[in-house]
């Protein structure tokens, strides 16, 4: 059986100093990562860690 890893990281902000003055605010990225986790579960990725 094939094996794989499904990794989903959602950042709602980043360091603005690394993006030339952009505020660094992001919207709903953590929710997107949780949605992708559910998708991975449906594809047979049973082991998971969600902080």
N, C-alpha and C. Protein backbone atom coordinates (compact mmCIF):
# COMPACT_ATOMS: atom_id res chain seq x y z
N UNK A 1 0.85 -1.18 0.00
CA UNK A 1 0.00 0.00 0.00
C UNK A 1 0.89 1.24 0.00
N UNK A 2 0.51 2.22 -0.77
CA UNK A 2 1.25 3.48 -0.83
C UNK A 2 1.07 4.26 0.47
N UNK A 3 2.10 5.01 0.82
CA UNK A 3 2.03 5.85 2.01
C UNK A 3 2.27 7.29 1.62
N UNK A 4 1.77 8.19 2.40
CA UNK A 4 1.97 9.60 2.12
C UNK A 4 1.85 10.43 3.38
N UNK A 5 2.16 11.69 3.24
CA UNK A 5 2.05 12.64 4.33
C UNK A 5 1.22 13.81 3.84
N UNK A 6 0.31 14.24 4.67
CA UNK A 6 -0.52 15.40 4.37
C UNK A 6 -0.24 16.44 5.44
N UNK A 7 0.38 17.56 5.07
CA UNK A 7 0.76 18.60 6.03
C UNK A 7 0.02 19.88 5.68
N UNK A 8 -0.66 20.46 6.66
CA UNK A 8 -1.44 21.67 6.44
C UNK A 8 -1.07 22.69 7.51
N UNK A 9 -0.61 23.83 7.10
CA UNK A 9 -0.21 24.88 8.03
C UNK A 9 -1.00 26.13 7.70
N UNK A 10 -1.64 26.70 8.70
CA UNK A 10 -2.42 27.93 8.49
C UNK A 10 -1.85 29.05 9.33
N UNK A 11 -1.36 30.08 8.69
CA UNK A 11 -0.82 31.25 9.38
C UNK A 11 -1.75 32.42 9.18
N UNK A 12 -2.22 33.01 10.25
CA UNK A 12 -3.10 34.17 10.11
C UNK A 12 -2.34 35.48 10.07
N UNK A 13 -1.02 35.42 10.23
CA UNK A 13 -0.21 36.62 10.06
C UNK A 13 1.24 36.21 9.83
N UNK A 14 2.01 37.09 9.25
CA UNK A 14 3.44 36.89 9.03
C UNK A 14 4.18 38.15 9.48
N UNK A 15 5.48 38.07 9.58
CA UNK A 15 6.30 39.20 9.99
C UNK A 15 6.33 40.26 8.88
N UNK A 16 5.73 41.43 9.09
CA UNK A 16 5.67 42.45 8.04
C UNK A 16 7.06 42.94 7.61
N UNK A 17 8.05 42.84 8.47
CA UNK A 17 9.39 43.28 8.10
C UNK A 17 9.98 42.42 6.99
N UNK A 18 9.47 41.23 6.81
CA UNK A 18 9.96 40.33 5.77
C UNK A 18 9.24 40.53 4.44
N UNK A 19 8.23 41.41 4.42
CA UNK A 19 7.40 41.60 3.22
C UNK A 19 7.30 43.06 2.81
N UNK A 20 8.39 43.79 2.91
CA UNK A 20 8.51 45.16 2.41
C UNK A 20 7.38 46.08 2.84
N UNK A 21 7.00 46.01 4.14
CA UNK A 21 6.02 46.95 4.65
C UNK A 21 4.58 46.49 4.60
N UNK A 22 4.30 45.39 3.89
CA UNK A 22 2.94 44.86 3.89
C UNK A 22 2.58 44.50 5.33
N UNK A 23 1.35 44.70 5.75
CA UNK A 23 0.95 44.53 7.14
C UNK A 23 1.12 43.10 7.65
N UNK A 24 1.07 42.14 6.77
CA UNK A 24 1.24 40.74 7.17
C UNK A 24 -0.04 40.06 7.61
N UNK A 25 -1.15 40.77 7.60
CA UNK A 25 -2.42 40.17 8.00
C UNK A 25 -2.94 39.23 6.92
N UNK A 26 -3.36 38.05 7.33
CA UNK A 26 -3.97 37.08 6.43
C UNK A 26 -5.33 36.72 7.02
N UNK A 27 -6.23 36.21 6.20
CA UNK A 27 -7.58 35.94 6.65
C UNK A 27 -7.94 34.47 6.50
N UNK A 28 -8.38 33.85 7.58
CA UNK A 28 -8.97 32.51 7.59
C UNK A 28 -8.01 31.39 7.20
N UNK A 29 -6.72 31.61 7.24
CA UNK A 29 -5.77 30.57 6.85
C UNK A 29 -5.80 29.37 7.78
N UNK A 30 -6.01 29.60 9.07
CA UNK A 30 -6.11 28.48 10.00
C UNK A 30 -7.35 27.64 9.68
N UNK A 31 -8.43 28.27 9.30
CA UNK A 31 -9.64 27.54 8.93
C UNK A 31 -9.40 26.72 7.66
N UNK A 32 -8.66 27.28 6.70
CA UNK A 32 -8.33 26.54 5.48
C UNK A 32 -7.52 25.29 5.81
N UNK A 33 -6.56 25.41 6.72
CA UNK A 33 -5.76 24.25 7.11
C UNK A 33 -6.63 23.18 7.76
N UNK A 34 -7.59 23.59 8.58
CA UNK A 34 -8.49 22.62 9.21
C UNK A 34 -9.38 21.95 8.17
N UNK A 35 -9.84 22.71 7.17
CA UNK A 35 -10.63 22.12 6.09
C UNK A 35 -9.81 21.09 5.31
N UNK A 36 -8.55 21.40 5.05
CA UNK A 36 -7.69 20.47 4.33
C UNK A 36 -7.41 19.22 5.18
N UNK A 37 -7.34 19.38 6.50
CA UNK A 37 -7.17 18.23 7.40
C UNK A 37 -8.35 17.29 7.24
N UNK A 38 -9.55 17.83 7.22
CA UNK A 38 -10.73 16.98 7.03
C UNK A 38 -10.70 16.29 5.67
N UNK A 39 -10.22 16.98 4.66
CA UNK A 39 -10.08 16.38 3.34
C UNK A 39 -9.08 15.23 3.38
N UNK A 40 -7.97 15.43 4.08
CA UNK A 40 -6.97 14.38 4.21
C UNK A 40 -7.52 13.16 4.94
N UNK A 41 -8.32 13.39 5.97
CA UNK A 41 -8.95 12.27 6.68
C UNK A 41 -9.81 11.46 5.72
N UNK A 42 -10.53 12.15 4.86
CA UNK A 42 -11.38 11.47 3.89
C UNK A 42 -10.59 10.67 2.86
N UNK A 43 -9.32 11.04 2.68
CA UNK A 43 -8.46 10.33 1.74
C UNK A 43 -7.64 9.23 2.41
N UNK A 44 -7.88 9.02 3.72
CA UNK A 44 -7.23 7.92 4.41
C UNK A 44 -5.97 8.29 5.18
N UNK A 45 -5.80 9.53 5.56
CA UNK A 45 -4.67 9.95 6.41
C UNK A 45 -5.18 9.98 7.85
N UNK A 46 -5.12 8.85 8.56
CA UNK A 46 -5.77 8.78 9.86
C UNK A 46 -5.00 9.43 11.00
N UNK A 47 -3.66 9.39 10.99
CA UNK A 47 -2.89 9.94 12.11
C UNK A 47 -2.75 11.43 11.93
N UNK A 48 -3.08 12.19 12.98
CA UNK A 48 -3.03 13.63 12.84
C UNK A 48 -2.69 14.30 14.17
N UNK A 49 -2.13 15.48 14.05
CA UNK A 49 -1.83 16.32 15.20
C UNK A 49 -2.33 17.70 14.88
N UNK A 50 -3.22 18.21 15.69
CA UNK A 50 -3.76 19.54 15.48
C UNK A 50 -3.56 20.33 16.77
N UNK A 51 -2.64 21.31 16.75
CA UNK A 51 -2.42 22.09 17.97
C UNK A 51 -3.54 23.07 18.24
